[in-house]
Amino acid sequence: MLWTSKSGKRVICALASESGDNLYFIKGLIEAGKYKSIVDQCFPMERAAEAHRYAESGRKKGNVVITIVHV
């Protein structure tokens, strides 16, 4: 857990390994409606640099998604 110096709000950072058990656990949370992802904006791969700038701007309110189209 980290504390920001300006706002005093806490920020929790966590990483999970990509094991099958972890992915099934997340899948179960999603299917049970216990996990909600908030997407702020979606950008195509061609605008990845713009997406990165937006994510670092401090204006985003949720996740920034890069979409990849398979041909």
PDB file of N, CA and C in Angstrom:
ATOM      1  N   MET A   1       0.851  -1.169   0.000  1.00  0.00           N
ATOM      2  CA  MET A   1       0.000   0.000   0.000  1.00  0.00           C
ATOM      3  C   MET A   1       0.897   1.233   0.000  1.00  0.00           C
ATOM      4  N   LEU A   2       0.531   2.217  -0.787  1.00  0.00           N
ATOM      5  CA  LEU A   2       1.280   3.458  -0.876  1.00  0.00           C
ATOM      6  C   LEU A   2       0.384   4.618  -0.481  1.00  0.00           C
ATOM      7  N   TRP A   3       0.969   5.657   0.067  1.00  0.00           N
ATOM      8  CA  TRP A   3       0.236   6.881   0.380  1.00  0.00           C
ATOM      9  C   TRP A   3       0.730   7.978  -0.535  1.00  0.00           C
ATOM     10  N   THR A   4      -0.189   8.707  -1.173  1.00  0.00           N
ATOM     11  CA  THR A   4       0.233   9.814  -2.013  1.00  0.00           C
ATOM     12  C   THR A   4       0.516  11.006  -1.124  1.00  0.00           C
ATOM     13  N   SER A   5       1.485  11.790  -1.480  1.00  0.00           N
ATOM     14  CA  SER A   5       1.879  12.909  -0.631  1.00  0.00           C
ATOM     15  C   SER A   5       0.926  14.087  -0.747  1.00  0.00           C
ATOM     16  N   LYS A   6       0.281  14.257  -1.886  1.00  0.00           N
ATOM     17  CA  LYS A   6      -0.582  15.420  -2.089  1.00  0.00           C
ATOM     18  C   LYS A   6      -1.979  15.232  -1.515  1.00  0.00           C
ATOM     19  N   SER A   7      -2.569  14.080  -1.722  1.00  0.00           N
ATOM     20  CA  SER A   7      -3.973  13.902  -1.354  1.00  0.00           C
ATOM     21  C   SER A   7      -4.174  13.121  -0.067  1.00  0.00           C
ATOM     22  N   GLY A   8      -3.181  12.352   0.358  1.00  0.00           N
ATOM     23  CA  GLY A   8      -3.346  11.521   1.534  1.00  0.00           C
ATOM     24  C   GLY A   8      -4.194  10.282   1.285  1.00  0.00           C
ATOM     25  N   LYS A   9      -4.600  10.072   0.028  1.00  0.00           N
ATOM     26  CA  LYS A   9      -5.387   8.889  -0.309  1.00  0.00           C
ATOM     27  C   LYS A   9      -4.464   7.694  -0.416  1.00  0.00           C
ATOM     28  N   ARG A  10      -4.978   6.521  -0.123  1.00  0.00           N
ATOM     29  CA  ARG A  10      -4.144   5.336  -0.254  1.00  0.00           C
ATOM     30  C   ARG A  10      -4.343   4.703  -1.621  1.00  0.00           C
ATOM     31  N   VAL A  11      -3.285   4.161  -2.111  1.00  0.00           N
ATOM     32  CA  VAL A  11      -3.282   3.483  -3.394  1.00  0.00           C
ATOM     33  C   VAL A  11      -2.785   2.070  -3.153  1.00  0.00           C
ATOM     34  N   ILE A  12      -3.546   1.098  -3.595  1.00  0.00           N
ATOM     35  CA  ILE A  12      -3.158  -0.295  -3.401  1.00  0.00           C
ATOM     36  C   ILE A  12      -2.674  -0.851  -4.737  1.00  0.00           C
ATOM     37  N   CYS A  13      -1.477  -1.365  -4.735  1.00  0.00           N
ATOM     38  CA  CYS A  13      -0.896  -1.953  -5.944  1.00  0.00           C
ATOM     39  C   CYS A  13      -0.726  -3.447  -5.724  1.00  0.00           C
ATOM     40  N   ALA A  14      -1.191  -4.231  -6.655  1.00  0.00           N
ATOM     41  CA  ALA A  14      -1.048  -5.677  -6.528  1.00  0.00           C
ATOM     42  C   ALA A  14      -0.819  -6.279  -7.907  1.00  0.00           C
ATOM     43  N   LEU A  15      -0.003  -7.306  -7.947  1.00  0.00           N
ATOM     44  CA  LEU A  15       0.253  -8.029  -9.182  1.00  0.00           C
ATOM     45  C   LEU A  15      -0.080  -9.501  -8.955  1.00  0.00           C
ATOM     46  N   ALA A  16      -0.643 -10.122  -9.958  1.00  0.00           N
ATOM     47  CA  ALA A  16      -0.953 -11.551  -9.867  1.00  0.00           C
ATOM     48  C   ALA A  16      -0.214 -12.278 -10.977  1.00  0.00           C
ATOM     49  N   SER A  17       0.238 -13.462 -10.676  1.00  0.00           N
ATOM     50  CA  SER A  17       0.886 -14.254 -11.718  1.00  0.00           C
ATOM     51  C   SER A  17      -0.176 -14.755 -12.688  1.00  0.00           C
ATOM     52  N   GLU A  18       0.254 -15.169 -13.842  1.00  0.00           N
ATOM     53  CA  GLU A  18      -0.674 -15.617 -14.876  1.00  0.00           C
ATOM     54  C   GLU A  18      -0.934 -17.117 -14.789  1.00  0.00           C
ATOM     55  N   SER A  19      -1.010 -17.649 -13.589  1.00  0.00           N
ATOM     56  CA  SER A  19      -1.268 -19.079 -13.445  1.00  0.00           C
ATOM     57  C   SER A  19      -2.728 -19.377 -13.778  1.00  0.00           C
ATOM     58  N   GLY A  20      -2.982 -20.605 -14.156  1.00  0.00           N
ATOM     59  CA  GLY A  20      -4.349 -21.018 -14.466  1.00  0.00           C
ATOM     60  C   GLY A  20      -5.295 -20.827 -13.300  1.00  0.00           C
ATOM     61  N   ASP A  21      -4.825 -21.126 -12.078  1.00  0.00           N
ATOM     62  CA  ASP A  21      -5.670 -20.966 -10.891  1.00  0.00           C
ATOM     63  C   ASP A  21      -6.099 -19.514 -10.712  1.00  0.00           C
ATOM     64  N   ASN A  22      -5.176 -18.580 -10.885  1.00  0.00           N
ATOM     65  CA  ASN A  22      -5.500 -17.159 -10.735  1.00  0.00           C
ATOM     66  C   ASN A  22      -6.489 -16.702 -11.799  1.00  0.00           C
ATOM     67  N   LEU A  23      -6.294 -17.162 -13.035  1.00  0.00           N
ATOM     68  CA  LEU A  23      -7.203 -16.768 -14.105  1.00  0.00           C
ATOM     69  C   LEU A  23      -8.603 -17.330 -13.888  1.00  0.00           C
ATOM     70  N   TYR A  24      -8.713 -18.574 -13.404  1.00  0.00           N
ATOM     71  CA  TYR A  24     -10.029 -19.139 -13.101  1.00  0.00           C
ATOM     72  C   TYR A  24     -10.698 -18.408 -11.938  1.00  0.00           C
ATOM     73  N   PHE A  25      -9.895 -17.978 -10.962  1.00  0.00           N
ATOM     74  CA  PHE A  25     -10.438 -17.223  -9.835  1.00  0.00           C
ATOM     75  C   PHE A  25     -11.029 -15.898 -10.321  1.00  0.00           C
ATOM     76  N   ILE A  26     -10.279 -15.184 -11.167  1.00  0.00           N
ATOM     77  CA  ILE A  26     -10.770 -13.914 -11.718  1.00  0.00           C
ATOM     78  C   ILE A  26     -12.017 -14.160 -12.566  1.00  0.00           C
ATOM     79  N   LYS A  27     -11.990 -15.220 -13.368  1.00  0.00           N
ATOM     80  CA  LYS A  27     -13.150 -15.569 -14.197  1.00  0.00           C
ATOM     81  C   LYS A  27     -14.378 -15.782 -13.319  1.00  0.00           C
ATOM     82  N   GLY A  28     -14.206 -16.466 -12.195  1.00  0.00           N
ATOM     83  CA  GLY A  28     -15.318 -16.694 -11.277  1.00  0.00           C
ATOM     84  C   GLY A  28     -15.865 -15.408 -10.695  1.00  0.00           C
ATOM     85  N   LEU A  29     -14.973 -14.487 -10.342  1.00  0.00           N
ATOM     86  CA  LEU A  29     -15.417 -13.187  -9.821  1.00  0.00           C
ATOM     87  C   LEU A  29     -16.234 -12.428 -10.864  1.00  0.00           C
ATOM     88  N   ILE A  30     -15.763 -12.447 -12.106  1.00  0.00           N
ATOM     89  CA  ILE A  30     -16.474 -11.748 -13.176  1.00  0.00           C
ATOM     90  C   ILE A  30     -17.856 -12.371 -13.399  1.00  0.00           C
ATOM     91  N   GLU A  31     -17.894 -13.694 -13.490  1.00  0.00           N
ATOM     92  CA  GLU A  31     -19.169 -14.380 -13.730  1.00  0.00           C
ATOM     93  C   GLU A  31     -20.150 -14.193 -12.581  1.00  0.00           C
ATOM     94  N   ALA A  32     -19.645 -14.041 -11.355  1.00  0.00           N
ATOM     95  CA  ALA A  32     -20.514 -13.833 -10.192  1.00  0.00           C
ATOM     96  C   ALA A  32     -20.927 -12.378 -10.023  1.00  0.00           C
ATOM     97  N   GLY A  33     -20.401 -11.515 -10.891  1.00  0.00           N
ATOM     98  CA  GLY A  33     -20.738 -10.094 -10.791  1.00  0.00           C
ATOM     99  C   GLY A  33     -20.041  -9.387  -9.648  1.00  0.00           C
ATOM    100  N   LYS A  34     -18.956  -9.966  -9.136  1.00  0.00           N
ATOM    101  CA  LYS A  34     -18.235  -9.373  -8.008  1.00  0.00           C
ATOM    102  C   LYS A  34     -17.045  -8.524  -8.441  1.00  0.00           C
ATOM    103  N   TYR A  35     -16.810  -8.452  -9.737  1.00  0.00           N
ATOM    104  CA  TYR A  35     -15.705  -7.656 -10.271  1.00  0.00           C
ATOM    105  C   TYR A  35     -16.253  -6.770 -11.368  1.00  0.00           C
ATOM    106  N   LYS A  36     -15.947  -5.496 -11.290  1.00  0.00           N
ATOM    107  CA  LYS A  36     -16.406  -4.571 -12.315  1.00  0.00           C
ATOM    108  C   LYS A  36     -15.210  -3.753 -12.777  1.00  0.00           C
ATOM    109  N   SER A  37     -14.953  -3.816 -14.046  1.00  0.00           N
ATOM    110  CA  SER A  37     -13.864  -3.042 -14.632  1.00  0.00           C
ATOM    111  C   SER A  37     -14.440  -1.741 -15.176  1.00  0.00           C
ATOM    112  N   ILE A  38     -13.787  -0.657 -14.886  1.00  0.00           N
ATOM    113  CA  ILE A  38     -14.230   0.648 -15.373  1.00  0.00           C
ATOM    114  C   ILE A  38     -13.289   1.075 -16.486  1.00  0.00           C
ATOM    115  N   VAL A  39     -13.837   1.219 -17.691  1.00  0.00           N
ATOM    116  CA  VAL A  39     -13.048   1.614 -18.847  1.00  0.00           C
ATOM    117  C   VAL A  39     -13.323   3.073 -19.140  1.00  0.00           C
ATOM    118  N   ASP A  40     -12.276   3.878 -19.143  1.00  0.00           N
ATOM    119  CA  ASP A  40     -12.392   5.300 -19.439  1.00  0.00           C
ATOM    120  C   ASP A  40     -12.443   5.519 -20.947  1.00  0.00           C
ATOM    121  N   GLN A  41     -11.418   5.045 -21.647  1.00  0.00           N
ATOM    122  CA  GLN A  41     -11.359   5.217 -23.095  1.00  0.00           C
ATOM    123  C   GLN A  41     -10.689   4.016 -23.743  1.00  0.00           C
ATOM    124  N   CYS A  42     -11.044   3.797 -25.016  1.00  0.00           N
ATOM    125  CA  CYS A  42     -10.393   2.768 -25.834  1.00  0.00           C
ATOM    126  C   CYS A  42      -9.686   3.456 -26.999  1.00  0.00           C
ATOM    127  N   PHE A  43      -8.494   2.983 -27.297  1.00  0.00           N
ATOM    128  CA  PHE A  43      -7.708   3.518 -28.395  1.00  0.00           C
ATOM    129  C   PHE A  43      -7.283   2.357 -29.292  1.00  0.00           C
ATOM    130  N   PRO A  44      -7.278   2.562 -30.619  1.00  0.00           N
ATOM    131  CA  PRO A  44      -6.721   1.531 -31.492  1.00  0.00           C
ATOM    132  C   PRO A  44      -5.203   1.511 -31.348  1.00  0.00           C
ATOM    133  N   MET A  45      -4.597   0.407 -31.704  1.00  0.00           N
ATOM    134  CA  MET A  45      -3.150   0.257 -31.583  1.00  0.00           C
ATOM    135  C   MET A  45      -2.399   1.407 -32.262  1.00  0.00           C
ATOM    136  N   GLU A  46      -2.928   1.902 -33.360  1.00  0.00           N
ATOM    137  CA  GLU A  46      -2.270   2.988 -34.089  1.00  0.00           C
ATOM    138  C   GLU A  46      -2.159   4.264 -33.254  1.00  0.00           C
ATOM    139  N   ARG A  47      -2.986   4.390 -32.221  1.00  0.00           N
ATOM    140  CA  ARG A  47      -2.963   5.583 -31.366  1.00  0.00           C
ATOM    141  C   ARG A  47      -2.425   5.262 -29.968  1.00  0.00           C
ATOM    142  N   ALA A  48      -1.569   4.253 -29.876  1.00  0.00           N
ATOM    143  CA  ALA A  48      -1.035   3.818 -28.583  1.00  0.00           C
ATOM    144  C   ALA A  48      -0.265   4.928 -27.879  1.00  0.00           C
ATOM    145  N   ALA A  49       0.496   5.727 -28.621  1.00  0.00           N
ATOM    146  CA  ALA A  49       1.251   6.828 -28.010  1.00  0.00           C
ATOM    147  C   ALA A  49       0.291   7.842 -27.388  1.00  0.00           C
ATOM    148  N   GLU A  50      -0.794   8.137 -28.077  1.00  0.00           N
ATOM    149  CA  GLU A  50      -1.807   9.057 -27.544  1.00  0.00           C
ATOM    150  C   GLU A  50      -2.463   8.475 -26.288  1.00  0.00           C
ATOM    151  N   ALA A  51      -2.740   7.179 -26.309  1.00  0.00           N
ATOM    152  CA  ALA A  51      -3.328   6.510 -25.147  1.00  0.00           C
ATOM    153  C   ALA A  51      -2.398   6.602 -23.949  1.00  0.00           C
ATOM    154  N   HIS A  52      -1.119   6.423 -24.190  1.00  0.00           N
ATOM    155  CA  HIS A  52      -0.122   6.497 -23.121  1.00  0.00           C
ATOM    156  C   HIS A  52      -0.081   7.909 -22.541  1.00  0.00           C
ATOM    157  N   ARG A  53      -0.082   8.913 -23.395  1.00  0.00           N
ATOM    158  CA  ARG A  53      -0.090  10.307 -22.911  1.00  0.00           C
ATOM    159  C   ARG A  53      -1.345  10.588 -22.080  1.00  0.00           C
ATOM    160  N   TYR A  54      -2.493  10.100 -22.560  1.00  0.00           N
ATOM    161  CA  TYR A  54      -3.741  10.304 -21.832  1.00  0.00           C
ATOM    162  C   TYR A  54      -3.692   9.632 -20.458  1.00  0.00           C
ATOM    163  N   ALA A  55      -3.174   8.403 -20.421  1.00  0.00           N
ATOM    164  CA  ALA A  55      -3.100   7.664 -19.155  1.00  0.00           C
ATOM    165  C   ALA A  55      -2.220   8.389 -18.142  1.00  0.00           C
ATOM    166  N   GLU A  56      -1.179   9.057 -18.606  1.00  0.00           N
ATOM    167  CA  GLU A  56      -0.263   9.768 -17.710  1.00  0.00           C
ATOM    168  C   GLU A  56      -0.711  11.190 -17.409  1.00  0.00           C
ATOM    169  N   SER A  57      -1.763  11.668 -18.060  1.00  0.00           N
ATOM    170  CA  SER A  57      -2.171  13.065 -17.920  1.00  0.00           C
ATOM    171  C   SER A  57      -2.829  13.389 -16.590  1.00  0.00           C
ATOM    172  N   GLY A  58      -3.301  12.366 -15.887  1.00  0.00           N
ATOM    173  CA  GLY A  58      -4.009  12.610 -14.637  1.00  0.00           C
ATOM    174  C   GLY A  58      -5.499  12.844 -14.828  1.00  0.00           C
ATOM    175  N   ARG A  59      -5.990  12.789 -16.062  1.00  0.00           N
ATOM    176  CA  ARG A  59      -7.409  13.034 -16.334  1.00  0.00           C
ATOM    177  C   ARG A  59      -8.238  11.765 -16.390  1.00  0.00           C
ATOM    178  N   LYS A  60      -7.604  10.613 -16.518  1.00  0.00           N
ATOM    179  CA  LYS A  60      -8.377   9.381 -16.701  1.00  0.00           C
ATOM    180  C   LYS A  60      -9.122   9.005 -15.427  1.00  0.00           C
ATOM    181  N   LYS A  61     -10.283   8.407 -15.610  1.00  0.00           N
ATOM    182  CA  LYS A  61     -11.137   8.004 -14.489  1.00  0.00           C
ATOM    183  C   LYS A  61     -11.315   6.495 -14.401  1.00  0.00           C
ATOM    184  N   GLY A  62     -10.666   5.772 -15.278  1.00  0.00           N
ATOM    185  CA  GLY A  62     -10.758   4.318 -15.300  1.00  0.00           C
ATOM    186  C   GLY A  62      -9.620   3.771 -16.126  1.00  0.00           C
ATOM    187  N   ASN A  63      -9.769   2.552 -16.596  1.00  0.00           N
ATOM    188  CA  ASN A  63      -8.724   1.928 -17.394  1.00  0.00           C
ATOM    189  C   ASN A  63      -8.695   2.504 -18.808  1.00  0.00           C
ATOM    190  N   VAL A  64      -7.513   2.518 -19.379  1.00  0.00           N
ATOM    191  CA  VAL A  64      -7.332   2.903 -20.776  1.00  0.00           C
ATOM    192  C   VAL A  64      -7.002   1.614 -21.523  1.00  0.00           C
ATOM    193  N   VAL A  65      -7.772   1.337 -22.586  1.00  0.00           N
ATOM    194  CA  VAL A  65      -7.676   0.077 -23.311  1.00  0.00           C
ATOM    195  C   VAL A  65      -7.097   0.316 -24.698  1.00  0.00           C
ATOM    196  N   ILE A  66      -6.147  -0.535 -25.080  1.00  0.00           N
ATOM    197  CA  ILE A  66      -5.621  -0.533 -26.448  1.00  0.00           C
ATOM    198  C   ILE A  66      -6.279  -1.705 -27.176  1.00  0.00           C
ATOM    199  N   THR A  67      -6.971  -1.423 -28.256  1.00  0.00           N
ATOM    200  CA  THR A  67      -7.647  -2.491 -29.000  1.00  0.00           C
ATOM    201  C   THR A  67      -6.747  -2.964 -30.142  1.00  0.00           C
ATOM    202  N   ILE A  68      -6.728  -4.269 -30.322  1.00  0.00           N
ATOM    203  CA  ILE A  68      -5.934  -4.889 -31.370  1.00  0.00           C
ATOM    204  C   ILE A  68      -6.881  -5.660 -32.274  1.00  0.00           C
ATOM    205  N   VAL A  69      -6.833  -5.389 -33.549  1.00  0.00           N
ATOM    206  CA  VAL A  69      -7.683  -6.073 -34.512  1.00  0.00           C
ATOM    207  C   VAL A  69      -6.863  -7.139 -35.203  1.00  0.00           C
ATOM    208  N   HIS A  70      -7.331  -8.377 -35.147  1.00  0.00           N
ATOM    209  CA  HIS A  70      -6.674  -9.476 -35.848  1.00  0.00           C
ATOM    210  C   HIS A  70      -7.245  -9.581 -37.241  1.00  0.00           C
ATOM    211  N   VAL A  71      -6.388  -9.646 -38.222  1.00  0.00           N
ATOM    212  CA  VAL A  71      -6.840  -9.731 -39.607  1.00  0.00           C
ATOM    213  C   VAL A  71      -6.732 -11.147 -40.105  1.00  0.00           C
TER     214      VAL A  71
END
